[in-house]
Amino acid sequence: MWRIRHYWNLINYLDFYNLNQDGTLAKRDFLDGNNENFNAFNSDFVFTYQFAPGSFINLIWKNGLQETQYQGTGNYVKSLRYLSDTPKANQFAIKAIYYLDYNSWFGKKK
């Protein structure tokens, strides 16, 4: 099974505030051009092999990309191109599940 997910969000700031010591907010000067593009792209590949009833071996490979582009343009295609240049986070796992029939090993003998 192969699963691909992409999430993209454009963050447009409207106002900036400072947090005061007493917990209230104080408005400060707005700095234009601080908008952001956030991208996350994940792909998961899972291969499952059943070698006995209830017993499986899973080979799992996960690839993840994540990037925040400051002063983003808001262009989806351009933002996706920047994502391809980011470092990849790969994970590989092997999982084995073995069904052990308790009664056949430790059950009463007839």
N, C-alpha and C. Protein backbone atom coordinates (compact mmCIF):
# COMPACT_ATOMS: atom_id res chain seq x y z
N MET A 1 0.85 -1.16 0.00
CA MET A 1 0.00 0.00 0.00
C MET A 1 0.90 1.24 0.00
N TRP A 2 0.55 2.19 -0.85
CA TRP A 2 1.31 3.42 -0.94
C TRP A 2 0.38 4.59 -0.68
N ARG A 3 0.74 5.47 0.26
CA ARG A 3 -0.10 6.59 0.64
C ARG A 3 0.73 7.88 0.51
N ILE A 4 0.16 8.88 -0.15
CA ILE A 4 0.83 10.17 -0.35
C ILE A 4 -0.07 11.27 0.20
N ARG A 5 0.54 12.17 0.99
CA ARG A 5 -0.22 13.29 1.55
C ARG A 5 0.58 14.57 1.37
N HIS A 6 -0.10 15.63 0.97
CA HIS A 6 0.53 16.95 0.85
C HIS A 6 -0.35 17.97 1.55
N TYR A 7 0.27 18.82 2.36
CA TYR A 7 -0.45 19.88 3.05
C TYR A 7 0.26 21.19 2.73
N TRP A 8 -0.49 22.19 2.32
CA TRP A 8 0.07 23.50 2.02
C TRP A 8 -0.82 24.55 2.63
N ASN A 9 -0.22 25.53 3.29
CA ASN A 9 -0.99 26.61 3.89
C ASN A 9 -0.21 27.91 3.75
N LEU A 10 -0.93 28.94 3.37
CA LEU A 10 -0.35 30.28 3.28
C LEU A 10 -0.80 31.06 4.50
N ILE A 11 0.14 31.64 5.21
CA ILE A 11 -0.16 32.39 6.42
C ILE A 11 0.04 33.87 6.11
N ASN A 12 -1.06 34.62 6.18
CA ASN A 12 -1.02 36.07 5.96
C ASN A 12 -1.24 36.77 7.29
N TYR A 13 -0.23 37.50 7.73
CA TYR A 13 -0.34 38.24 9.00
C TYR A 13 -1.02 39.57 8.76
N LEU A 14 -1.92 39.94 9.67
CA LEU A 14 -2.65 41.21 9.58
C LEU A 14 -2.19 42.21 10.62
N ASP A 15 -1.85 41.74 11.82
CA ASP A 15 -1.42 42.60 12.93
C ASP A 15 -0.33 41.90 13.73
N PHE A 16 0.46 42.69 14.45
CA PHE A 16 1.45 42.15 15.37
C PHE A 16 1.18 42.71 16.76
N TYR A 17 1.41 41.87 17.78
CA TYR A 17 1.19 42.27 19.17
C TYR A 17 2.36 41.80 20.02
N ASN A 18 2.62 42.51 21.11
CA ASN A 18 3.56 42.09 22.13
C ASN A 18 2.77 41.64 23.35
N LEU A 19 3.28 40.63 24.05
CA LEU A 19 2.65 40.15 25.26
C LEU A 19 3.25 40.88 26.45
N ASN A 20 2.40 41.57 27.20
CA ASN A 20 2.83 42.30 28.39
C ASN A 20 3.01 41.35 29.57
N GLN A 21 3.69 41.82 30.62
CA GLN A 21 3.93 41.01 31.82
C GLN A 21 2.64 40.58 32.49
N ASP A 22 1.60 41.41 32.42
CA ASP A 22 0.33 41.07 33.07
C ASP A 22 -0.57 40.20 32.20
N GLY A 23 -0.11 39.78 31.04
CA GLY A 23 -0.87 38.89 30.18
C GLY A 23 -1.72 39.58 29.13
N THR A 24 -1.72 40.89 29.10
CA THR A 24 -2.48 41.61 28.08
C THR A 24 -1.63 41.79 26.83
N LEU A 25 -2.29 42.17 25.75
CA LEU A 25 -1.60 42.38 24.47
C LEU A 25 -1.48 43.87 24.18
N ALA A 26 -0.34 44.26 23.63
CA ALA A 26 -0.11 45.64 23.21
C ALA A 26 0.21 45.62 21.73
N LYS A 27 -0.57 46.35 20.94
CA LYS A 27 -0.36 46.39 19.51
C LYS A 27 0.97 47.06 19.19
N ARG A 28 1.68 46.52 18.19
CA ARG A 28 2.94 47.12 17.78
C ARG A 28 2.89 47.39 16.28
N ASP A 29 3.92 48.03 15.76
CA ASP A 29 3.95 48.39 14.35
C ASP A 29 3.90 47.13 13.48
N PHE A 30 3.11 47.21 12.42
CA PHE A 30 2.96 46.10 11.48
C PHE A 30 4.13 46.09 10.52
N LEU A 31 4.77 44.95 10.38
CA LEU A 31 5.89 44.79 9.46
C LEU A 31 5.40 44.01 8.25
N ASP A 32 5.23 44.66 7.15
CA ASP A 32 4.71 44.02 5.95
C ASP A 32 5.76 43.09 5.35
N GLY A 33 5.33 42.05 4.68
CA GLY A 33 6.25 41.13 4.01
C GLY A 33 6.69 39.97 4.87
N ASN A 34 6.00 39.68 5.97
CA ASN A 34 6.37 38.57 6.84
C ASN A 34 5.46 37.35 6.67
N ASN A 35 4.75 37.27 5.57
CA ASN A 35 3.87 36.14 5.32
C ASN A 35 4.70 34.87 5.11
N GLU A 36 4.07 33.72 5.30
CA GLU A 36 4.79 32.44 5.22
C GLU A 36 4.00 31.44 4.38
N ASN A 37 4.74 30.56 3.72
CA ASN A 37 4.20 29.35 3.10
C ASN A 37 4.65 28.18 3.94
N PHE A 38 3.73 27.30 4.29
CA PHE A 38 4.10 26.08 5.01
C PHE A 38 3.74 24.89 4.14
N ASN A 39 4.69 23.98 3.95
CA ASN A 39 4.51 22.78 3.15
C ASN A 39 4.92 21.56 3.95
N ALA A 40 4.12 20.51 3.83
CA ALA A 40 4.48 19.22 4.39
C ALA A 40 4.05 18.16 3.37
N PHE A 41 4.98 17.30 2.99
CA PHE A 41 4.71 16.25 2.01
C PHE A 41 5.22 14.94 2.59
N ASN A 42 4.33 13.96 2.72
CA ASN A 42 4.69 12.66 3.28
C ASN A 42 4.27 11.56 2.32
N SER A 43 5.10 10.55 2.23
CA SER A 43 4.71 9.35 1.49
C SER A 43 5.08 8.14 2.34
N ASP A 44 4.16 7.18 2.42
CA ASP A 44 4.35 5.96 3.18
C ASP A 44 4.14 4.77 2.26
N PHE A 45 5.05 3.83 2.33
CA PHE A 45 4.92 2.59 1.58
C PHE A 45 4.99 1.44 2.58
N VAL A 46 3.95 0.61 2.57
CA VAL A 46 3.88 -0.53 3.49
C VAL A 46 3.67 -1.80 2.67
N PHE A 47 4.59 -2.76 2.83
CA PHE A 47 4.45 -4.07 2.19
C PHE A 47 4.19 -5.08 3.30
N THR A 48 3.10 -5.83 3.19
CA THR A 48 2.72 -6.82 4.20
C THR A 48 2.74 -8.21 3.59
N TYR A 49 3.41 -9.14 4.29
CA TYR A 49 3.47 -10.53 3.85
C TYR A 49 2.95 -11.40 4.99
N GLN A 50 1.92 -12.20 4.70
CA GLN A 50 1.37 -13.12 5.69
C GLN A 50 2.01 -14.49 5.46
N PHE A 51 2.84 -14.93 6.42
CA PHE A 51 3.55 -16.19 6.25
C PHE A 51 2.89 -17.36 6.99
N ALA A 52 1.94 -17.09 7.85
CA ALA A 52 1.15 -18.12 8.53
C ALA A 52 -0.14 -17.45 8.98
N PRO A 53 -1.17 -18.22 9.32
CA PRO A 53 -2.41 -17.60 9.77
C PRO A 53 -2.18 -16.69 10.99
N GLY A 54 -2.53 -15.44 10.85
CA GLY A 54 -2.37 -14.47 11.94
C GLY A 54 -0.96 -13.96 12.13
N SER A 55 -0.01 -14.34 11.26
CA SER A 55 1.39 -13.94 11.40
C SER A 55 1.81 -13.13 10.17
N PHE A 56 2.42 -11.98 10.41
CA PHE A 56 2.75 -11.05 9.33
C PHE A 56 4.15 -10.50 9.50
N ILE A 57 4.75 -10.13 8.37
CA ILE A 57 5.96 -9.31 8.35
C ILE A 57 5.61 -8.05 7.54
N ASN A 58 5.87 -6.90 8.12
CA ASN A 58 5.62 -5.62 7.45
C ASN A 58 6.95 -4.92 7.19
N LEU A 59 7.15 -4.49 5.96
CA LEU A 59 8.28 -3.64 5.59
C LEU A 59 7.71 -2.26 5.35
N ILE A 60 8.22 -1.26 6.06
CA ILE A 60 7.64 0.08 6.04
C ILE A 60 8.72 1.09 5.69
N TRP A 61 8.42 1.94 4.72
CA TRP A 61 9.32 3.04 4.35
C TRP A 61 8.51 4.33 4.37
N LYS A 62 9.01 5.34 5.09
CA LYS A 62 8.35 6.63 5.19
C LYS A 62 9.32 7.71 4.74
N ASN A 63 8.82 8.62 3.94
CA ASN A 63 9.62 9.74 3.45
C ASN A 63 8.86 11.02 3.78
N GLY A 64 9.52 11.97 4.38
CA GLY A 64 8.86 13.21 4.77
C GLY A 64 9.67 14.44 4.40
N LEU A 65 8.98 15.44 3.90
CA LEU A 65 9.57 16.74 3.58
C LEU A 65 8.74 17.80 4.30
N GLN A 66 9.41 18.78 4.87
CA GLN A 66 8.70 19.87 5.53
C GLN A 66 9.51 21.14 5.39
N GLU A 67 8.82 22.23 5.05
CA GLU A 67 9.52 23.49 4.84
C GLU A 67 8.59 24.65 5.15
N THR A 68 9.13 25.68 5.77
CA THR A 68 8.44 26.95 5.93
C THR A 68 9.22 27.99 5.15
N GLN A 69 8.56 28.59 4.19
CA GLN A 69 9.20 29.60 3.35
C GLN A 69 8.71 30.97 3.81
N TYR A 70 9.60 31.75 4.41
CA TYR A 70 9.25 33.06 4.90
C TYR A 70 9.17 34.04 3.73
N GLN A 71 8.29 34.99 3.87
CA GLN A 71 8.00 35.95 2.81
C GLN A 71 7.58 35.21 1.56
N GLY A 72 6.69 34.23 1.79
CA GLY A 72 6.21 33.39 0.71
C GLY A 72 5.39 34.15 -0.30
N THR A 73 5.34 33.62 -1.51
CA THR A 73 4.65 34.30 -2.60
C THR A 73 3.18 33.95 -2.67
N GLY A 74 2.78 32.83 -2.09
CA GLY A 74 1.39 32.41 -2.18
C GLY A 74 1.11 31.62 -3.45
N ASN A 75 2.15 31.31 -4.22
CA ASN A 75 1.99 30.54 -5.45
C ASN A 75 2.20 29.07 -5.13
N TYR A 76 1.18 28.23 -5.38
CA TYR A 76 1.24 26.81 -5.03
C TYR A 76 2.35 26.08 -5.78
N VAL A 77 2.45 26.26 -7.07
CA VAL A 77 3.44 25.53 -7.87
C VAL A 77 4.85 25.94 -7.48
N LYS A 78 5.09 27.23 -7.30
CA LYS A 78 6.42 27.70 -6.91
C LYS A 78 6.78 27.20 -5.51
N SER A 79 5.79 27.17 -4.63
CA SER A 79 6.01 26.67 -3.28
C SER A 79 6.34 25.19 -3.28
N LEU A 80 5.72 24.42 -4.16
CA LEU A 80 6.00 23.00 -4.28
C LEU A 80 7.40 22.75 -4.82
N ARG A 81 7.88 23.62 -5.71
CA ARG A 81 9.25 23.50 -6.22
C ARG A 81 10.29 23.70 -5.13
N TYR A 82 10.05 24.69 -4.24
CA TYR A 82 10.97 24.90 -3.12
C TYR A 82 11.02 23.68 -2.20
N LEU A 83 9.90 23.00 -2.07
CA LEU A 83 9.82 21.84 -1.20
C LEU A 83 10.73 20.71 -1.69
N SER A 84 10.89 20.56 -2.99
CA SER A 84 11.72 19.48 -3.52
C SER A 84 13.21 19.66 -3.19
N ASP A 85 13.63 20.88 -2.83
CA ASP A 85 15.03 21.14 -2.49
C ASP A 85 15.34 20.95 -1.01
N THR A 86 14.33 20.66 -0.19
CA THR A 86 14.56 20.52 1.25
C THR A 86 15.14 19.15 1.57
N PRO A 87 15.84 19.02 2.70
CA PRO A 87 16.37 17.72 3.09
C PRO A 87 15.24 16.72 3.37
N LYS A 88 15.48 15.48 3.00
CA LYS A 88 14.49 14.43 3.19
C LYS A 88 14.69 13.74 4.54
N ALA A 89 13.59 13.32 5.12
CA ALA A 89 13.62 12.55 6.37
C ALA A 89 13.06 11.17 6.07
N ASN A 90 13.94 10.20 5.89
CA ASN A 90 13.54 8.84 5.56
C ASN A 90 13.59 7.95 6.79
N GLN A 91 12.61 7.06 6.88
CA GLN A 91 12.58 6.06 7.95
C GLN A 91 12.28 4.71 7.32
N PHE A 92 12.92 3.69 7.84
CA PHE A 92 12.68 2.33 7.38
C PHE A 92 12.46 1.46 8.61
N ALA A 93 11.42 0.62 8.56
CA ALA A 93 11.10 -0.23 9.71
C ALA A 93 10.68 -1.61 9.21
N ILE A 94 11.00 -2.60 10.03
CA ILE A 94 10.54 -3.97 9.81
C ILE A 94 9.76 -4.37 11.06
N LYS A 95 8.55 -4.87 10.84
CA LYS A 95 7.70 -5.27 11.96
C LYS A 95 7.24 -6.69 11.73
N ALA A 96 7.41 -7.54 12.73
CA ALA A 96 6.97 -8.93 12.65
C ALA A 96 5.92 -9.19 13.72
N ILE A 97 4.83 -9.81 13.32
CA ILE A 97 3.77 -10.22 14.23
C ILE A 97 3.61 -11.73 14.06
N TYR A 98 3.77 -12.46 15.16
CA TYR A 98 3.65 -13.91 15.09
C TYR A 98 2.53 -14.36 16.01
N TYR A 99 1.58 -15.10 15.46
CA TYR A 99 0.47 -15.62 16.24
C TYR A 99 0.93 -16.89 16.93
N LEU A 100 0.84 -16.89 18.24
CA LEU A 100 1.23 -18.04 19.04
C LEU A 100 -0.04 -18.63 19.64
N ASP A 101 -0.36 -19.85 19.27
CA ASP A 101 -1.55 -20.53 19.79
C ASP A 101 -1.21 -21.13 21.14
N TYR A 102 -1.67 -20.49 22.20
CA TYR A 102 -1.34 -20.89 23.56
C TYR A 102 -1.81 -22.32 23.84
N ASN A 103 -3.01 -22.65 23.38
CA ASN A 103 -3.56 -23.99 23.66
C ASN A 103 -2.74 -25.11 23.02
N SER A 104 -2.21 -24.89 21.85
CA SER A 104 -1.42 -25.95 21.22
C SER A 104 -0.08 -26.16 21.93
N TRP A 105 0.43 -25.17 22.60
CA TRP A 105 1.72 -25.30 23.30
C TRP A 105 1.55 -25.72 24.77
N PHE A 106 0.57 -25.11 25.42
CA PHE A 106 0.46 -25.30 26.88
C PHE A 106 -0.88 -25.88 27.31
N GLY A 107 -1.73 -26.22 26.34
CA GLY A 107 -3.05 -26.76 26.68
C GLY A 107 -2.97 -28.16 27.25
N LYS A 108 -4.09 -28.64 27.75
CA LYS A 108 -4.13 -30.00 28.31
C LYS A 108 -3.92 -31.04 27.22
N LYS A 109 -3.16 -32.04 27.54
CA LYS A 109 -2.91 -33.15 26.62
C LYS A 109 -4.07 -34.13 26.75
N LYS A 110 -4.51 -34.66 25.64
CA LYS A 110 -5.62 -35.63 25.65
C LYS A 110 -5.14 -37.03 25.80
